[in-house]
């Protein structure tokens, strides 16, 4: 009788441990695999995705992924300087990301406030 009680106790302990293990998330951070075009400069990798794009291809928000971590930011489609000519191939700016604010999006590359160009790397 003691042997079967011990086996039953062991069975329920293993079942409980297995259930708890399955409930614990395996990944603790929200690192995502790239889904689109990735832009690189040095060790920094950037990717953006328009959130609910309109028919004309514009969107008020963008999901910006920096080295695998994604956050949502606002966009601006007009050029900033009133006395400046809009640069060729300028598409829009991503606003609010402290490290890059603004991050300028061009047809073939991205450019941050320090004039670093992020080129397509995938």
C-alpha atoms as a PDB file:
ATOM      1  CA  UNK A   1       0.000   0.000   0.000  1.00  0.00           C
ATOM      2  CA  UNK A   2       2.817   2.438   0.846  1.00  0.00           C
ATOM      3  CA  UNK A   3       4.441   1.756  -2.543  1.00  0.00           C
ATOM      4  CA  UNK A   4       1.270   2.606  -4.495  1.00  0.00           C
ATOM      5  CA  UNK A   5       0.712   5.738  -2.386  1.00  0.00           C
ATOM      6  CA  UNK A   6       4.280   6.824  -3.119  1.00  0.00           C
ATOM      7  CA  UNK A   7       3.774   6.178  -6.849  1.00  0.00           C
ATOM      8  CA  UNK A   8       0.531   8.178  -6.810  1.00  0.00           C
ATOM      9  CA  UNK A   9       2.217  11.057  -4.986  1.00  0.00           C
ATOM     10  CA  UNK A  10       5.106  11.029  -7.470  1.00  0.00           C
ATOM     11  CA  UNK A  11       2.667  10.989 -10.396  1.00  0.00           C
ATOM     12  CA  UNK A  12       0.808  14.088  -9.122  1.00  0.00           C
ATOM     13  CA  UNK A  13       4.057  15.929  -8.364  1.00  0.00           C
ATOM     14  CA  UNK A  14       5.331  15.352 -11.905  1.00  0.00           C
ATOM     15  CA  UNK A  15       1.956  16.369 -13.340  1.00  0.00           C
ATOM     16  CA  UNK A  16       1.996  19.602 -11.309  1.00  0.00           C
ATOM     17  CA  UNK A  17       5.585  20.428 -12.266  1.00  0.00           C
ATOM     18  CA  UNK A  18       4.820  19.786 -15.944  1.00  0.00           C
ATOM     19  CA  UNK A  19       1.728  22.007 -15.793  1.00  0.00           C
ATOM     20  CA  UNK A  20       3.669  24.831 -14.124  1.00  0.00           C
ATOM     21  CA  UNK A  21       6.491  24.563 -16.665  1.00  0.00           C
ATOM     22  CA  UNK A  22       4.013  24.834 -19.526  1.00  0.00           C
ATOM     23  CA  UNK A  23       2.469  27.979 -18.005  1.00  0.00           C
ATOM     24  CA  UNK A  24       5.790  29.831 -17.681  1.00  0.00           C
ATOM     25  CA  UNK A  25       6.688  31.778 -20.847  1.00  0.00           C
ATOM     26  CA  UNK A  26       9.832  30.468 -22.437  1.00  0.00           C
ATOM     27  CA  UNK A  27      10.994  33.861 -23.733  1.00  0.00           C
ATOM     28  CA  UNK A  28      11.112  36.763 -21.302  1.00  0.00           C
ATOM     29  CA  UNK A  29      11.676  39.547 -23.852  1.00  0.00           C
ATOM     30  CA  UNK A  30       9.739  40.450 -26.982  1.00  0.00           C
ATOM     31  CA  UNK A  31      12.454  39.831 -29.543  1.00  0.00           C
ATOM     32  CA  UNK A  32      11.027  39.397 -33.002  1.00  0.00           C
ATOM     33  CA  UNK A  33      12.366  37.970 -36.215  1.00  0.00           C
ATOM     34  CA  UNK A  34      12.412  40.423 -39.130  1.00  0.00           C
ATOM     35  CA  UNK A  35       9.397  40.302 -41.425  1.00  0.00           C
ATOM     36  CA  UNK A  36      10.436  42.907 -43.965  1.00  0.00           C
ATOM     37  CA  UNK A  37      13.386  45.006 -45.036  1.00  0.00           C
ATOM     38  CA  UNK A  38      16.101  45.407 -42.396  1.00  0.00           C
ATOM     39  CA  UNK A  39      18.414  48.429 -42.398  1.00  0.00           C
ATOM     40  CA  UNK A  40      21.837  48.240 -40.727  1.00  0.00           C
ATOM     41  CA  UNK A  41      24.601  50.560 -39.520  1.00  0.00           C
ATOM     42  CA  UNK A  42      27.346  49.023 -37.407  1.00  0.00           C
ATOM     43  CA  UNK A  43      25.733  46.726 -34.833  1.00  0.00           C
ATOM     44  CA  UNK A  44      22.323  48.409 -35.071  1.00  0.00           C
ATOM     45  CA  UNK A  45      19.555  46.786 -37.112  1.00  0.00           C
ATOM     46  CA  UNK A  46      16.302  48.659 -37.815  1.00  0.00           C
ATOM     47  CA  UNK A  47      13.046  47.594 -39.404  1.00  0.00           C
ATOM     48  CA  UNK A  48       9.782  49.517 -39.703  1.00  0.00           C
ATOM     49  CA  UNK A  49       6.232  48.450 -40.513  1.00  0.00           C
ATOM     50  CA  UNK A  50       3.394  50.836 -41.268  1.00  0.00           C
ATOM     51  CA  UNK A  51       0.418  50.364 -38.939  1.00  0.00           C
ATOM     52  CA  UNK A  52      -2.894  50.224 -40.856  1.00  0.00           C
ATOM     53  CA  UNK A  53      -1.585  51.860 -44.039  1.00  0.00           C
ATOM     54  CA  UNK A  54      -4.012  53.918 -46.116  1.00  0.00           C
ATOM     55  CA  UNK A  55      -4.590  53.329 -49.825  1.00  0.00           C
ATOM     56  CA  UNK A  56      -1.909  55.905 -50.662  1.00  0.00           C
ATOM     57  CA  UNK A  57       0.652  53.981 -48.579  1.00  0.00           C
ATOM     58  CA  UNK A  58       0.768  56.449 -45.678  1.00  0.00           C
ATOM     59  CA  UNK A  59       0.111  55.677 -42.007  1.00  0.00           C
ATOM     60  CA  UNK A  60      -0.087  57.744 -38.827  1.00  0.00           C
ATOM     61  CA  UNK A  61       1.899  55.181 -36.834  1.00  0.00           C
ATOM     62  CA  UNK A  62       4.771  52.822 -37.486  1.00  0.00           C
ATOM     63  CA  UNK A  63       6.132  49.844 -35.570  1.00  0.00           C
ATOM     64  CA  UNK A  64       9.900  50.346 -35.326  1.00  0.00           C
ATOM     65  CA  UNK A  65      12.067  47.360 -34.476  1.00  0.00           C
ATOM     66  CA  UNK A  66      15.528  48.203 -33.126  1.00  0.00           C
ATOM     67  CA  UNK A  67      17.796  45.172 -32.654  1.00  0.00           C
ATOM     68  CA  UNK A  68      14.786  42.861 -32.314  1.00  0.00           C
ATOM     69  CA  UNK A  69      12.692  44.984 -29.908  1.00  0.00           C
ATOM     70  CA  UNK A  70       9.553  46.626 -31.314  1.00  0.00           C
ATOM     71  CA  UNK A  71       7.746  49.807 -30.227  1.00  0.00           C
ATOM     72  CA  UNK A  72       5.138  52.041 -31.897  1.00  0.00           C
ATOM     73  CA  UNK A  73       5.898  55.631 -32.987  1.00  0.00           C
ATOM     74  CA  UNK A  74       4.237  58.498 -34.884  1.00  0.00           C
ATOM     75  CA  UNK A  75       5.083  59.499 -38.440  1.00  0.00           C
ATOM     76  CA  UNK A  76       5.338  62.834 -40.288  1.00  0.00           C
ATOM     77  CA  UNK A  77       5.020  63.038 -44.047  1.00  0.00           C
ATOM     78  CA  UNK A  78       6.000  66.689 -44.532  1.00  0.00           C
ATOM     79  CA  UNK A  79       9.569  68.005 -44.562  1.00  0.00           C
ATOM     80  CA  UNK A  80      10.557  69.946 -41.421  1.00  0.00           C
ATOM     81  CA  UNK A  81      12.320  73.079 -42.641  1.00  0.00           C
ATOM     82  CA  UNK A  82      10.017  75.682 -44.139  1.00  0.00           C
ATOM     83  CA  UNK A  83      12.929  77.277 -46.041  1.00  0.00           C
ATOM     84  CA  UNK A  84      14.445  73.979 -47.125  1.00  0.00           C
ATOM     85  CA  UNK A  85      13.758  72.006 -50.238  1.00  0.00           C
ATOM     86  CA  UNK A  86      12.490  68.490 -49.523  1.00  0.00           C
ATOM     87  CA  UNK A  87      15.338  66.040 -50.217  1.00  0.00           C
ATOM     88  CA  UNK A  88      14.910  63.666 -53.137  1.00  0.00           C
ATOM     89  CA  UNK A  89      13.464  60.263 -52.277  1.00  0.00           C
ATOM     90  CA  UNK A  90      12.237  61.436 -48.819  1.00  0.00           C
ATOM     91  CA  UNK A  91       9.189  59.369 -47.814  1.00  0.00           C
ATOM     92  CA  UNK A  92       8.443  60.227 -44.168  1.00  0.00           C
ATOM     93  CA  UNK A  93       9.970  60.633 -40.693  1.00  0.00           C
ATOM     94  CA  UNK A  94       9.565  58.427 -37.635  1.00  0.00           C
ATOM     95  CA  UNK A  95       9.160  60.613 -34.538  1.00  0.00           C
ATOM     96  CA  UNK A  96       9.691  59.978 -30.839  1.00  0.00           C
ATOM     97  CA  UNK A  97      12.443  57.340 -30.727  1.00  0.00           C
ATOM     98  CA  UNK A  98      15.020  59.148 -28.555  1.00  0.00           C
ATOM     99  CA  UNK A  99      18.099  57.615 -30.169  1.00  0.00           C
ATOM    100  CA  UNK A 100      17.009  58.505 -33.715  1.00  0.00           C
ATOM    101  CA  UNK A 101      14.409  61.302 -33.372  1.00  0.00           C
ATOM    102  CA  UNK A 102      13.651  61.957 -36.091  1.00  0.00           C
ATOM    103  CA  UNK A 103      14.522  58.891 -38.145  1.00  0.00           C
ATOM    104  CA  UNK A 104      14.191  59.890 -41.796  1.00  0.00           C
ATOM    105  CA  UNK A 105      12.917  57.285 -44.247  1.00  0.00           C
ATOM    106  CA  UNK A 106      14.130  57.542 -47.837  1.00  0.00           C
ATOM    107  CA  UNK A 107      13.530  55.177 -50.763  1.00  0.00           C
ATOM    108  CA  UNK A 108      16.831  53.303 -50.359  1.00  0.00           C
ATOM    109  CA  UNK A 109      17.991  54.031 -46.788  1.00  0.00           C
ATOM    110  CA  UNK A 110      17.182  55.465 -43.342  1.00  0.00           C
ATOM    111  CA  UNK A 111      19.025  58.403 -41.751  1.00  0.00           C
ATOM    112  CA  UNK A 112      19.187  59.380 -38.069  1.00  0.00           C
ATOM    113  CA  UNK A 113      19.832  62.758 -36.446  1.00  0.00           C
ATOM    114  CA  UNK A 114      23.595  62.189 -36.508  1.00  0.00           C
ATOM    115  CA  UNK A 115      23.424  61.749 -40.316  1.00  0.00           C
ATOM    116  CA  UNK A 116      24.232  58.018 -40.061  1.00  0.00           C
ATOM    117  CA  UNK A 117      22.813  56.074 -42.990  1.00  0.00           C
ATOM    118  CA  UNK A 118      21.216  52.700 -42.382  1.00  0.00           C
ATOM    119  CA  UNK A 119      21.403  50.630 -45.561  1.00  0.00           C
ATOM    120  CA  UNK A 120      19.342  47.575 -46.507  1.00  0.00           C
ATOM    121  CA  UNK A 121      21.096  44.494 -45.160  1.00  0.00           C
ATOM    122  CA  UNK A 122      18.752  41.532 -45.761  1.00  0.00           C
END
